PDB file of N, CA and C in Angstrom:
ATOM      1  N   MET A   1       0.844  -1.173   0.000  1.00  0.00           N
ATOM      2  CA  MET A   1       0.000   0.000   0.000  1.00  0.00           C
ATOM      3  C   MET A   1       0.890   1.236   0.000  1.00  0.00           C
ATOM      4  N   ARG A   2       0.399   2.272  -0.577  1.00  0.00           N
ATOM      5  CA  ARG A   2       1.151   3.514  -0.611  1.00  0.00           C
ATOM      6  C   ARG A   2       0.634   4.462   0.465  1.00  0.00           C
ATOM      7  N   LEU A   3       1.530   5.324   0.906  1.00  0.00           N
ATOM      8  CA  LEU A   3       1.124   6.330   1.872  1.00  0.00           C
ATOM      9  C   LEU A   3       0.261   7.368   1.163  1.00  0.00           C
ATOM     10  N   THR A   4      -0.709   7.904   1.896  1.00  0.00           N
ATOM     11  CA  THR A   4      -1.651   8.854   1.323  1.00  0.00           C
ATOM     12  C   THR A   4      -1.486  10.227   1.977  1.00  0.00           C
ATOM     13  N   TRP A   5      -2.296  11.167   1.528  1.00  0.00           N
ATOM     14  CA  TRP A   5      -2.281  12.495   2.128  1.00  0.00           C
ATOM     15  C   TRP A   5      -2.685  12.439   3.599  1.00  0.00           C
ATOM     16  N   LYS A   6      -3.516  11.461   3.958  1.00  0.00           N
ATOM     17  CA  LYS A   6      -3.908  11.311   5.359  1.00  0.00           C
ATOM     18  C   LYS A   6      -2.700  10.949   6.224  1.00  0.00           C
ATOM     19  N   ASP A   7      -1.824  10.097   5.686  1.00  0.00           N
ATOM     20  CA  ASP A   7      -0.612   9.743   6.422  1.00  0.00           C
ATOM     21  C   ASP A   7       0.303  10.956   6.579  1.00  0.00           C
ATOM     22  N   ALA A   8       0.359  11.795   5.564  1.00  0.00           N
ATOM     23  CA  ALA A   8       1.174  13.006   5.642  1.00  0.00           C
ATOM     24  C   ALA A   8       0.638  13.947   6.722  1.00  0.00           C
ATOM     25  N   LEU A   9      -0.676  14.126   6.772  1.00  0.00           N
ATOM     26  CA  LEU A   9      -1.264  14.987   7.807  1.00  0.00           C
ATOM     27  C   LEU A   9      -1.114  14.373   9.200  1.00  0.00           C
ATOM     28  N   ALA A  10      -1.209  13.041   9.289  1.00  0.00           N
ATOM     29  CA  ALA A  10      -0.993  12.385  10.576  1.00  0.00           C
ATOM     30  C   ALA A  10       0.452  12.573  11.028  1.00  0.00           C
ATOM     31  N   THR A  11       1.380  12.601  10.092  1.00  0.00           N
ATOM     32  CA  THR A  11       2.782  12.850  10.421  1.00  0.00           C
ATOM     33  C   THR A  11       2.970  14.276  10.919  1.00  0.00           C
ATOM     34  N   VAL A  12       2.273  15.222  10.310  1.00  0.00           N
ATOM     35  CA  VAL A  12       2.317  16.603  10.798  1.00  0.00           C
ATOM     36  C   VAL A  12       1.767  16.671  12.222  1.00  0.00           C
ATOM     37  N   ALA A  13       0.684  15.947  12.482  1.00  0.00           N
ATOM     38  CA  ALA A  13       0.104  15.917  13.831  1.00  0.00           C
ATOM     39  C   ALA A  13       1.085  15.289  14.826  1.00  0.00           C
ATOM     40  N   ALA A  14       1.760  14.223  14.420  1.00  0.00           N
ATOM     41  CA  ALA A  14       2.760  13.600  15.293  1.00  0.00           C
ATOM     42  C   ALA A  14       3.897  14.580  15.569  1.00  0.00           C
ATOM     43  N   GLY A  15       4.301  15.320  14.554  1.00  0.00           N
ATOM     44  CA  GLY A  15       5.341  16.336  14.742  1.00  0.00           C
ATOM     45  C   GLY A  15       4.885  17.432  15.701  1.00  0.00           C
ATOM     46  N   ALA A  16       3.626  17.814  15.608  1.00  0.00           N
ATOM     47  CA  ALA A  16       3.084  18.814  16.532  1.00  0.00           C
ATOM     48  C   ALA A  16       3.105  18.282  17.962  1.00  0.00           C
ATOM     49  N   ASN A  17       2.775  16.992  18.131  1.00  0.00           N
ATOM     50  CA  ASN A  17       2.826  16.394  19.465  1.00  0.00           C
ATOM     51  C   ASN A  17       4.243  16.392  20.007  1.00  0.00           C
ATOM     52  N   VAL A  18       5.214  16.090  19.154  1.00  0.00           N
ATOM     53  CA  VAL A  18       6.617  16.124  19.583  1.00  0.00           C
ATOM     54  C   VAL A  18       7.008  17.542  19.994  1.00  0.00           C
ATOM     55  N   ALA A  19       6.608  18.523  19.194  1.00  0.00           N
ATOM     56  CA  ALA A  19       6.928  19.915  19.517  1.00  0.00           C
ATOM     57  C   ALA A  19       6.302  20.338  20.843  1.00  0.00           C
ATOM     58  N   ILE A  20       5.060  19.947  21.062  1.00  0.00           N
ATOM     59  CA  ILE A  20       4.378  20.286  22.319  1.00  0.00           C
ATOM     60  C   ILE A  20       5.096  19.646  23.503  1.00  0.00           C
ATOM     61  N   TYR A  21       5.414  18.359  23.377  1.00  0.00           N
ATOM     62  CA  TYR A  21       6.054  17.650  24.492  1.00  0.00           C
ATOM     63  C   TYR A  21       7.449  18.203  24.770  1.00  0.00           C
ATOM     64  N   VAL A  22       8.219  18.455  23.730  1.00  0.00           N
ATOM     65  CA  VAL A  22       9.565  19.005  23.919  1.00  0.00           C
ATOM     66  C   VAL A  22       9.476  20.396  24.539  1.00  0.00           C
ATOM     67  N   ALA A  23       8.560  21.227  24.062  1.00  0.00           N
ATOM     68  CA  ALA A  23       8.400  22.565  24.643  1.00  0.00           C
ATOM     69  C   ALA A  23       8.047  22.465  26.124  1.00  0.00           C
ATOM     70  N   PHE A  24       7.164  21.536  26.472  1.00  0.00           N
ATOM     71  CA  PHE A  24       6.799  21.373  27.880  1.00  0.00           C
ATOM     72  C   PHE A  24       7.985  20.897  28.713  1.00  0.00           C
ATOM     73  N   THR A  25       8.685  19.863  28.238  1.00  0.00           N
ATOM     74  CA  THR A  25       9.793  19.311  29.031  1.00  0.00           C
ATOM     75  C   THR A  25      10.959  20.281  29.155  1.00  0.00           C
ATOM     76  N   GLN A  26      11.111  21.187  28.188  1.00  0.00           N
ATOM     77  CA  GLN A  26      12.186  22.172  28.259  1.00  0.00           C
ATOM     78  C   GLN A  26      11.781  23.424  29.035  1.00  0.00           C
ATOM     79  N   GLY A  27      10.545  23.448  29.507  1.00  0.00           N
ATOM     80  CA  GLY A  27      10.082  24.564  30.319  1.00  0.00           C
ATOM     81  C   GLY A  27       9.798  25.828  29.528  1.00  0.00           C
ATOM     82  N   ALA A  28       9.421  25.670  28.279  1.00  0.00           N
ATOM     83  CA  ALA A  28       9.123  26.838  27.450  1.00  0.00           C
ATOM     84  C   ALA A  28       7.938  27.598  28.019  1.00  0.00           C
ATOM     85  N   ASP A  29       8.043  28.905  27.969  1.00  0.00           N
ATOM     86  CA  ASP A  29       6.973  29.759  28.481  1.00  0.00           C
ATOM     87  C   ASP A  29       5.980  30.027  27.350  1.00  0.00           C
ATOM     88  N   VAL A  30       5.218  28.975  27.019  1.00  0.00           N
ATOM     89  CA  VAL A  30       4.245  29.047  25.939  1.00  0.00           C
ATOM     90  C   VAL A  30       2.855  28.894  26.559  1.00  0.00           C
ATOM     91  N   PRO A  31       1.951  29.822  26.241  1.00  0.00           N
ATOM     92  CA  PRO A  31       0.612  29.695  26.819  1.00  0.00           C
ATOM     93  C   PRO A  31      -0.006  28.328  26.519  1.00  0.00           C
ATOM     94  N   ILE A  32      -0.766  27.846  27.417  1.00  0.00           N
ATOM     95  CA  ILE A  32      -1.488  26.578  27.400  1.00  0.00           C
ATOM     96  C   ILE A  32      -0.569  25.396  27.685  1.00  0.00           C
ATOM     97  N   ILE A  33       0.547  25.253  26.987  1.00  0.00           N
ATOM     98  CA  ILE A  33       1.366  24.053  27.182  1.00  0.00           C
ATOM     99  C   ILE A  33       2.452  24.245  28.236  1.00  0.00           C
ATOM    100  N   ASP A  34       2.369  25.307  29.040  1.00  0.00           N
ATOM    101  CA  ASP A  34       3.348  25.493  30.107  1.00  0.00           C
ATOM    102  C   ASP A  34       2.944  24.771  31.389  1.00  0.00           C
ATOM    103  N   SER A  35       1.814  24.056  31.369  1.00  0.00           N
ATOM    104  CA  SER A  35       1.390  23.248  32.510  1.00  0.00           C
ATOM    105  C   SER A  35       1.144  21.817  32.039  1.00  0.00           C
ATOM    106  N   VAL A  36       1.139  20.888  32.982  1.00  0.00           N
ATOM    107  CA  VAL A  36       0.909  19.481  32.630  1.00  0.00           C
ATOM    108  C   VAL A  36      -0.469  19.315  32.013  1.00  0.00           C
ATOM    109  N   ARG A  37      -1.474  19.918  32.619  1.00  0.00           N
ATOM    110  CA  ARG A  37      -2.833  19.788  32.090  1.00  0.00           C
ATOM    111  C   ARG A  37      -2.948  20.391  30.692  1.00  0.00           C
ATOM    112  N   GLY A  38      -2.330  21.522  30.480  1.00  0.00           N
ATOM    113  CA  GLY A  38      -2.383  22.158  29.173  1.00  0.00           C
ATOM    114  C   GLY A  38      -1.692  21.324  28.110  1.00  0.00           C
ATOM    115  N   ALA A  39      -0.495  20.820  28.423  1.00  0.00           N
ATOM    116  CA  ALA A  39       0.236  19.978  27.472  1.00  0.00           C
ATOM    117  C   ALA A  39      -0.519  18.678  27.222  1.00  0.00           C
ATOM    118  N   THR A  40      -1.082  18.104  28.269  1.00  0.00           N
ATOM    119  CA  THR A  40      -1.860  16.877  28.117  1.00  0.00           C
ATOM    120  C   THR A  40      -3.074  17.119  27.226  1.00  0.00           C
ATOM    121  N   GLY A  41      -3.793  18.186  27.471  1.00  0.00           N
ATOM    122  CA  GLY A  41      -4.960  18.507  26.662  1.00  0.00           C
ATOM    123  C   GLY A  41      -4.594  18.755  25.209  1.00  0.00           C
ATOM    124  N   ALA A  42      -3.499  19.458  24.977  1.00  0.00           N
ATOM    125  CA  ALA A  42      -3.075  19.745  23.607  1.00  0.00           C
ATOM    126  C   ALA A  42      -2.675  18.464  22.879  1.00  0.00           C
ATOM    127  N   ILE A  43      -1.886  17.600  23.525  1.00  0.00           N
ATOM    128  CA  ILE A  43      -1.467  16.354  22.896  1.00  0.00           C
ATOM    129  C   ILE A  43      -2.668  15.445  22.675  1.00  0.00           C
ATOM    130  N   LEU A  44      -3.571  15.397  23.639  1.00  0.00           N
ATOM    131  CA  LEU A  44      -4.771  14.580  23.490  1.00  0.00           C
ATOM    132  C   LEU A  44      -5.621  15.082  22.317  1.00  0.00           C
ATOM    133  N   LEU A  45      -5.806  16.382  22.218  1.00  0.00           N
ATOM    134  CA  LEU A  45      -6.604  16.952  21.132  1.00  0.00           C
ATOM    135  C   LEU A  45      -5.944  16.711  19.771  1.00  0.00           C
ATOM    136  N   VAL A  46      -4.656  16.989  19.663  1.00  0.00           N
ATOM    137  CA  VAL A  46      -3.952  16.769  18.392  1.00  0.00           C
ATOM    138  C   VAL A  46      -3.939  15.282  18.052  1.00  0.00           C
ATOM    139  N   GLY A  47      -3.781  14.428  19.063  1.00  0.00           N
ATOM    140  CA  GLY A  47      -3.784  12.996  18.828  1.00  0.00           C
ATOM    141  C   GLY A  47      -5.128  12.481  18.341  1.00  0.00           C
ATOM    142  N   ILE A  48      -6.197  12.991  18.908  1.00  0.00           N
ATOM    143  CA  ILE A  48      -7.534  12.556  18.494  1.00  0.00           C
ATOM    144  C   ILE A  48      -7.851  13.066  17.089  1.00  0.00           C
ATOM    145  N   VAL A  49      -7.610  14.346  16.860  1.00  0.00           N
ATOM    146  CA  VAL A  49      -7.920  14.919  15.547  1.00  0.00           C
ATOM    147  C   VAL A  49      -6.947  14.414  14.490  1.00  0.00           C
ATOM    148  N   GLY A  50      -5.667  14.557  14.765  1.00  0.00           N
ATOM    149  CA  GLY A  50      -4.660  14.205  13.776  1.00  0.00           C
ATOM    150  C   GLY A  50      -4.401  12.729  13.633  1.00  0.00           C
ATOM    151  N   GLY A  51      -4.494  12.007  14.705  1.00  0.00           N
ATOM    152  CA  GLY A  51      -4.204  10.585  14.648  1.00  0.00           C
ATOM    153  C   GLY A  51      -5.412   9.741  14.320  1.00  0.00           C
ATOM    154  N   CYS A  52      -6.421   9.835  15.135  1.00  0.00           N
ATOM    155  CA  CYS A  52      -7.600   8.974  14.963  1.00  0.00           C
ATOM    156  C   CYS A  52      -8.350   9.270  13.677  1.00  0.00           C
ATOM    157  N   MET A  53      -8.563  10.519  13.380  1.00  0.00           N
ATOM    158  CA  MET A  53      -9.379  10.855  12.211  1.00  0.00           C
ATOM    159  C   MET A  53      -8.619  10.718  10.896  1.00  0.00           C
ATOM    160  N   LEU A  54      -7.332  10.987  10.917  1.00  0.00           N
ATOM    161  CA  LEU A  54      -6.592  11.015   9.653  1.00  0.00           C
ATOM    162  C   LEU A  54      -5.869   9.724   9.311  1.00  0.00           C
ATOM    163  N   SER A  55      -5.416   8.985  10.303  1.00  0.00           N
ATOM    164  CA  SER A  55      -4.586   7.829   9.979  1.00  0.00           C
ATOM    165  C   SER A  55      -5.373   6.538   9.841  1.00  0.00           C
ATOM    166  N   ALA A  56      -6.690   6.606   9.892  1.00  0.00           N
ATOM    167  CA  ALA A  56      -7.490   5.395   9.719  1.00  0.00           C
ATOM    168  C   ALA A  56      -7.312   4.845   8.316  1.00  0.00           C
ATOM    169  N   ALA A  57      -7.089   3.544   8.231  1.00  0.00           N
ATOM    170  CA  ALA A  57      -6.893   2.908   6.929  1.00  0.00           C
ATOM    171  C   ALA A  57      -8.217   2.845   6.185  1.00  0.00           C
ATOM    172  N   PRO A  58      -8.168   2.928   4.876  1.00  0.00           N
ATOM    173  CA  PRO A  58      -9.400   2.792   4.097  1.00  0.00           C
ATOM    174  C   PRO A  58     -10.064   1.441   4.360  1.00  0.00           C
ATOM    175  N   GLU A  59     -11.332   1.370   4.073  1.00  0.00           N
ATOM    176  CA  GLU A  59     -12.126   0.176   4.371  1.00  0.00           C
ATOM    177  C   GLU A  59     -11.674  -1.067   3.628  1.00  0.00           C
ATOM    178  N   GLU A  60     -11.008  -0.913   2.490  1.00  0.00           N
ATOM    179  CA  GLU A  60     -10.634  -2.094   1.724  1.00  0.00           C
ATOM    180  C   GLU A  60      -9.436  -2.847   2.307  1.00  0.00           C
ATOM    181  N   TYR A  61      -8.871  -2.366   3.390  1.00  0.00           N
ATOM    182  CA  TYR A  61      -7.730  -3.041   3.997  1.00  0.00           C
ATOM    183  C   TYR A  61      -8.188  -3.860   5.197  1.00  0.00           C
ATOM    184  N   GLU A  62      -7.515  -4.944   5.402  1.00  0.00           N
ATOM    185  CA  GLU A  62      -7.854  -5.871   6.486  1.00  0.00           C
ATOM    186  C   GLU A  62      -7.674  -5.191   7.838  1.00  0.00           C
ATOM    187  N   ARG A  63      -8.626  -5.363   8.707  1.00  0.00           N
ATOM    188  CA  ARG A  63      -8.589  -4.734  10.030  1.00  0.00           C
ATOM    189  C   ARG A  63      -8.635  -5.770  11.142  1.00  0.00           C
ATOM    190  N   LYS A  64      -7.976  -6.879  10.955  1.00  0.00           N
ATOM    191  CA  LYS A  64      -7.976  -7.924  11.975  1.00  0.00           C
ATOM    192  C   LYS A  64      -6.546  -8.300  12.298  1.00  0.00           C
ATOM    193  N   GLY A  65      -6.390  -9.093  13.320  1.00  0.00           N
ATOM    194  CA  GLY A  65      -5.086  -9.648  13.613  1.00  0.00           C
ATOM    195  C   GLY A  65      -4.328  -8.896  14.689  1.00  0.00           C
ATOM    196  N   PRO A  66      -3.037  -9.197  14.795  1.00  0.00           N
ATOM    197  CA  PRO A  66      -2.234  -8.637  15.880  1.00  0.00           C
ATOM    198  C   PRO A  66      -2.084  -7.116  15.795  1.00  0.00           C
ATOM    199  N   TYR A  67      -2.081  -6.567  14.584  1.00  0.00           N
ATOM    200  CA  TYR A  67      -1.969  -5.109  14.466  1.00  0.00           C
ATOM    201  C   TYR A  67      -3.111  -4.429  15.206  1.00  0.00           C
ATOM    202  N   MET A  68      -4.314  -4.898  15.004  1.00  0.00           N
ATOM    203  CA  MET A  68      -5.467  -4.271  15.652  1.00  0.00           C
ATOM    204  C   MET A  68      -5.417  -4.430  17.161  1.00  0.00           C
ATOM    205  N   ALA A  69      -4.919  -5.578  17.634  1.00  0.00           N
ATOM    206  CA  ALA A  69      -4.791  -5.779  19.074  1.00  0.00           C
ATOM    207  C   ALA A  69      -3.800  -4.781  19.674  1.00  0.00           C
ATOM    208  N   VAL A  70      -2.663  -4.619  19.015  1.00  0.00           N
ATOM    209  CA  VAL A  70      -1.642  -3.689  19.504  1.00  0.00           C
ATOM    210  C   VAL A  70      -2.144  -2.253  19.409  1.00  0.00           C
ATOM    211  N   ALA A  71      -2.717  -1.889  18.265  1.00  0.00           N
ATOM    212  CA  ALA A  71      -3.202  -0.524  18.072  1.00  0.00           C
ATOM    213  C   ALA A  71      -4.333  -0.191  19.045  1.00  0.00           C
ATOM    214  N   SER A  72      -5.239  -1.122  19.252  1.00  0.00           N
ATOM    215  CA  SER A  72      -6.340  -0.885  20.190  1.00  0.00           C
ATOM    216  C   SER A  72      -5.832  -0.739  21.618  1.00  0.00           C
ATOM    217  N   THR A  73      -4.869  -1.563  21.980  1.00  0.00           N
ATOM    218  CA  THR A  73      -4.292  -1.475  23.325  1.00  0.00           C
ATOM    219  C   THR A  73      -3.581  -0.137  23.519  1.00  0.00           C
ATOM    220  N   LEU A  74      -2.752   0.242  22.543  1.00  0.00           N
ATOM    221  CA  LEU A  74      -2.059   1.532  22.638  1.00  0.00           C
ATOM    222  C   LEU A  74      -3.043   2.695  22.662  1.00  0.00           C
ATOM    223  N   GLY A  75      -4.092   2.610  21.859  1.00  0.00           N
ATOM    224  CA  GLY A  75      -5.100   3.662  21.855  1.00  0.00           C
ATOM    225  C   GLY A  75      -5.811   3.778  23.194  1.00  0.00           C
ATOM    226  N   GLY A  76      -6.136   2.639  23.793  1.00  0.00           N
ATOM    227  CA  GLY A  76      -6.760   2.653  25.115  1.00  0.00           C
ATOM    228  C   GLY A  76      -5.836   3.215  26.178  1.00  0.00           C
ATOM    229  N   ILE A  77      -4.563   2.829  26.116  1.00  0.00           N
ATOM    230  CA  ILE A  77      -3.577   3.353  27.066  1.00  0.00           C
ATOM    231  C   ILE A  77      -3.439   4.865  26.900  1.00  0.00           C
ATOM    232  N   ALA A  78      -3.370   5.327  25.655  1.00  0.00           N
ATOM    233  CA  ALA A  78      -3.240   6.765  25.400  1.00  0.00           C
ATOM    234  C   ALA A  78      -4.448   7.528  25.933  1.00  0.00           C
ATOM    235  N   LEU A  79      -5.635   7.016  25.661  1.00  0.00           N
ATOM    236  CA  LEU A  79      -6.840   7.695  26.145  1.00  0.00           C
ATOM    237  C   LEU A  79      -6.888   7.724  27.668  1.00  0.00           C
ATOM    238  N   LEU A  80      -6.610   6.597  28.293  1.00  0.00           N
ATOM    239  CA  LEU A  80      -6.603   6.540  29.757  1.00  0.00           C
ATOM    240  C   LEU A  80      -5.556   7.480  30.344  1.00  0.00           C
ATOM    241  N   ALA A  81      -4.355   7.482  29.761  1.00  0.00           N
ATOM    242  CA  ALA A  81      -3.303   8.371  30.249  1.00  0.00           C
ATOM    243  C   ALA A  81      -3.699   9.833  30.054  1.00  0.00           C
ATOM    244  N   GLY A  82      -4.348  10.143  28.937  1.00  0.00           N
ATOM    245  CA  GLY A  82      -4.789  11.509  28.708  1.00  0.00           C
ATOM    246  C   GLY A  82      -5.813  11.972  29.724  1.00  0.00           C
ATOM    247  N   VAL A  83      -6.780  11.133  29.992  1.00  0.00           N
ATOM    248  CA  VAL A  83      -7.810  11.481  30.978  1.00  0.00           C
ATOM    249  C   VAL A  83      -7.187  11.621  32.370  1.00  0.00           C
ATOM    250  N   LEU A  84      -6.316  10.670  32.727  1.00  0.00           N
ATOM    251  CA  LEU A  84      -5.648  10.754  34.031  1.00  0.00           C
ATOM    252  C   LEU A  84      -4.759  11.988  34.121  1.00  0.00           C
ATOM    253  N   GLY A  85      -4.088  12.324  33.021  1.00  0.00           N
ATOM    254  CA  GLY A  85      -3.246  13.518  33.015  1.00  0.00           C
ATOM    255  C   GLY A  85      -4.051  14.789  33.203  1.00  0.00           C
ATOM    256  N   LEU A  86      -5.236  14.834  32.609  1.00  0.00           N
ATOM    257  CA  LEU A  86      -6.094  16.004  32.785  1.00  0.00           C
ATOM    258  C   LEU A  86      -6.629  16.106  34.209  1.00  0.00           C
ATOM    259  N   ILE A  87      -6.950  14.964  34.799  1.00  0.00           N
ATOM    260  CA  ILE A  87      -7.514  14.958  36.152  1.00  0.00           C
ATOM    261  C   ILE A  87      -6.449  15.218  37.207  1.00  0.00           C
ATOM    262  N   THR A  88      -5.320  14.503  37.106  1.00  0.00           N
ATOM    263  CA  THR A  88      -4.314  14.542  38.166  1.00  0.00           C
ATOM    264  C   THR A  88      -3.153  15.493  37.904  1.00  0.00           C
ATOM    265  N   ALA A  89      -3.011  15.963  36.670  1.00  0.00           N
ATOM    266  CA  ALA A  89      -1.871  16.798  36.269  1.00  0.00           C
ATOM    267  C   ALA A  89      -0.550  16.078  36.530  1.00  0.00           C
ATOM    268  N   GLY A  90      -0.550  14.764  36.298  1.00  0.00           N
ATOM    269  CA  GLY A  90       0.650  13.972  36.520  1.00  0.00           C
ATOM    270  C   GLY A  90       1.540  13.932  35.294  1.00  0.00           C
ATOM    271  N   GLU A  91       2.831  14.207  35.496  1.00  0.00           N
ATOM    272  CA  GLU A  91       3.776  14.186  34.383  1.00  0.00           C
ATOM    273  C   GLU A  91       3.968  12.785  33.820  1.00  0.00           C
ATOM    274  N   LEU A  92       3.825  11.759  34.642  1.00  0.00           N
ATOM    275  CA  LEU A  92       3.938  10.385  34.143  1.00  0.00           C
ATOM    276  C   LEU A  92       2.812  10.090  33.154  1.00  0.00           C
ATOM    277  N   ALA A  93       1.615  10.520  33.478  1.00  0.00           N
ATOM    278  CA  ALA A  93       0.483  10.316  32.564  1.00  0.00           C
ATOM    279  C   ALA A  93       0.722  11.049  31.251  1.00  0.00           C
ATOM    280  N   LEU A  94       1.281  12.249  31.313  1.00  0.00           N
ATOM    281  CA  LEU A  94       1.604  13.005  30.101  1.00  0.00           C
ATOM    282  C   LEU A  94       2.635  12.253  29.262  1.00  0.00           C
ATOM    283  N   ALA A  95       3.655  11.726  29.911  1.00  0.00           N
ATOM    284  CA  ALA A  95       4.689  10.975  29.191  1.00  0.00           C
ATOM    285  C   ALA A  95       4.111   9.721  28.541  1.00  0.00           C
ATOM    286  N   VAL A  96       3.276   9.000  29.266  1.00  0.00           N
ATOM    287  CA  VAL A  96       2.649   7.793  28.706  1.00  0.00           C
ATOM    288  C   VAL A  96       1.770   8.164  27.514  1.00  0.00           C
ATOM    289  N   LEU A  97       0.994   9.234  27.634  1.00  0.00           N
ATOM    290  CA  LEU A  97       0.170   9.704  26.529  1.00  0.00           C
ATOM    291  C   LEU A  97       1.028  10.033  25.320  1.00  0.00           C
ATOM    292  N   PHE A  98       2.096  10.768  25.525  1.00  0.00           N
ATOM    293  CA  PHE A  98       2.962  11.162  24.414  1.00  0.00           C
ATOM    294  C   PHE A  98       3.567   9.950  23.721  1.00  0.00           C
ATOM    295  N   TYR A  99       4.185   9.061  24.487  1.00  0.00           N
ATOM    296  CA  TYR A  99       4.857   7.916  23.870  1.00  0.00           C
ATOM    297  C   TYR A  99       3.871   6.940  23.223  1.00  0.00           C
ATOM    298  N   ALA A 100       2.705   6.771  23.814  1.00  0.00           N
ATOM    299  CA  ALA A 100       1.697   5.902  23.201  1.00  0.00           C
ATOM    300  C   ALA A 100       1.195   6.501  21.892  1.00  0.00           C
ATOM    301  N   THR A 101       1.026   7.807  21.858  1.00  0.00           N
ATOM    302  CA  THR A 101       0.566   8.481  20.652  1.00  0.00           C
ATOM    303  C   THR A 101       1.600   8.371  19.534  1.00  0.00           C
ATOM    304  N   VAL A 102       2.864   8.586  19.874  1.00  0.00           N
ATOM    305  CA  VAL A 102       3.925   8.470  18.871  1.00  0.00           C
ATOM    306  C   VAL A 102       4.052   7.025  18.389  1.00  0.00           C
ATOM    307  N   ALA A 103       3.914   6.071  19.299  1.00  0.00           N
ATOM    308  CA  ALA A 103       3.971   4.660  18.907  1.00  0.00           C
ATOM    309  C   ALA A 103       2.817   4.306  17.968  1.00  0.00           C
ATOM    310  N   LEU A 104       1.628   4.816  18.254  1.00  0.00           N
ATOM    311  CA  LEU A 104       0.479   4.585  17.362  1.00  0.00           C
ATOM    312  C   LEU A 104       0.735   5.152  15.977  1.00  0.00           C
ATOM    313  N   TRP A 105       1.241   6.376  15.920  1.00  0.00           N
ATOM    314  CA  TRP A 105       1.554   6.972  14.618  1.00  0.00           C
ATOM    315  C   TRP A 105       2.586   6.123  13.874  1.00  0.00           C
ATOM    316  N   PHE A 106       3.624   5.701  14.574  1.00  0.00           N
ATOM    317  CA  PHE A 106       4.693   4.934  13.939  1.00  0.00           C
ATOM    318  C   PHE A 106       4.191   3.609  13.380  1.00  0.00           C
ATOM    319  N   ILE A 107       3.468   2.832  14.183  1.00  0.00           N
ATOM    320  CA  ILE A 107       3.033   1.524  13.683  1.00  0.00           C
ATOM    321  C   ILE A 107       1.986   1.666  12.583  1.00  0.00           C
ATOM    322  N   ALA A 108       1.148   2.700  12.662  1.00  0.00           N
ATOM    323  CA  ALA A 108       0.159   2.914  11.598  1.00  0.00           C
ATOM    324  C   ALA A 108       0.850   3.308  10.296  1.00  0.00           C
ATOM    325  N   THR A 109       1.844   4.169  10.380  1.00  0.00           N
ATOM    326  CA  THR A 109       2.554   4.604   9.181  1.00  0.00           C
ATOM    327  C   THR A 109       3.328   3.451   8.555  1.00  0.00           C
ATOM    328  N   VAL A 110       3.992   2.662   9.374  1.00  0.00           N
ATOM    329  CA  VAL A 110       4.724   1.499   8.856  1.00  0.00           C
ATOM    330  C   VAL A 110       3.754   0.518   8.219  1.00  0.00           C
ATOM    331  N   ARG A 111       2.631   0.292   8.867  1.00  0.00           N
ATOM    332  CA  ARG A 111       1.635  -0.631   8.315  1.00  0.00           C
ATOM    333  C   ARG A 111       1.091  -0.134   6.985  1.00  0.00           C
ATOM    334  N   HIS A 112       0.765   1.146   6.930  1.00  0.00           N
ATOM    335  CA  HIS A 112       0.241   1.701   5.689  1.00  0.00           C
ATOM    336  C   HIS A 112       1.284   1.663   4.578  1.00  0.00           C
ATOM    337  N   ALA A 113       2.534   1.817   4.921  1.00  0.00           N
ATOM    338  CA  ALA A 113       3.589   1.833   3.911  1.00  0.00           C
ATOM    339  C   ALA A 113       3.888   0.448   3.341  1.00  0.00           C
ATOM    340  N   PHE A 114       3.763  -0.589   4.176  1.00  0.00           N
ATOM    341  CA  PHE A 114       4.215  -1.910   3.751  1.00  0.00           C
ATOM    342  C   PHE A 114       3.126  -2.961   3.583  1.00  0.00           C
ATOM    343  N   ALA A 115       1.922  -2.700   4.071  1.00  0.00           N
ATOM    344  CA  ALA A 115       0.858  -3.692   3.952  1.00  0.00           C
ATOM    345  C   ALA A 115       0.315  -3.710   2.531  1.00  0.00           C
ATOM    346  N   PRO A 116       0.134  -4.899   1.978  1.00  0.00           N
ATOM    347  CA  PRO A 116      -0.443  -4.962   0.632  1.00  0.00           C
ATOM    348  C   PRO A 116      -1.927  -4.621   0.676  1.00  0.00           C
ATOM    349  N   ALA A 117      -2.406  -4.034  -0.397  1.00  0.00           N
ATOM    350  CA  ALA A 117      -3.834  -3.702  -0.490  1.00  0.00           C
ATOM    351  C   ALA A 117      -4.622  -4.988  -0.654  1.00  0.00           C
ATOM    352  N   LYS A 118      -5.753  -5.043  -0.009  1.00  0.00           N
ATOM    353  CA  LYS A 118      -6.637  -6.202  -0.128  1.00  0.00           C
ATOM    354  C   LYS A 118      -7.446  -6.032  -1.416  1.00  0.00           C
ATOM    355  N   THR A 119      -7.365  -6.989  -2.279  1.00  0.00           N
ATOM    356  CA  THR A 119      -8.082  -6.882  -3.558  1.00  0.00           C
ATOM    357  C   THR A 119      -9.229  -7.870  -3.593  1.00  0.00           C
ATOM    358  N   GLU A 120     -10.288  -7.481  -4.261  1.00  0.00           N
ATOM    359  CA  GLU A 120     -11.424  -8.371  -4.430  1.00  0.00           C
ATOM    360  C   GLU A 120     -11.209  -9.226  -5.690  1.00  0.00           C
ATOM    361  N   ALA A 121     -11.669 -10.431  -5.620  1.00  0.00           N
ATOM    362  CA  ALA A 121     -11.557 -11.321  -6.788  1.00  0.00           C
ATOM    363  C   ALA A 121     -12.490 -10.816  -7.880  1.00  0.00           C
ATOM    364  N   LEU A 122     -12.055 -10.920  -9.106  1.00  0.00           N
ATOM    365  CA  LEU A 122     -12.897 -10.522 -10.230  1.00  0.00           C
ATOM    366  C   LEU A 122     -14.080 -11.457 -10.354  1.00  0.00           C
ATOM    367  N   ARG A 123     -15.221 -10.943 -10.640  1.00  0.00           N
ATOM    368  CA  ARG A 123     -16.429 -11.767 -10.750  1.00  0.00           C
ATOM    369  C   ARG A 123     -16.723 -12.084 -12.157  1.00  0.00           C
TER     370      ARG A 123
END
């Protein structure tokens, strides 16, 4: 399968998440992301919009097997860490959210780049 414009936009979203996390960890005085809750909310929002909505594979590709188990688990971990980060303002939750989000982007991009397209038999 070839990478699409959706993968390119998901990569931009992943880059934005990296920029947000690095700015937070370096103590940048940037509005909203200068607190754990702000950085968590920003990464969660960019991850949901940029990751979930854009990196979904088209319907003609197989959606079963170990990839879905790993992706679903990482997605659940990211969501849980995001919610916990917003509630508790814990830096560990922010870190888990960030790394889970980047891992999701990475495995989705690799899968989209190397997985063969599922073709229907000619009738």
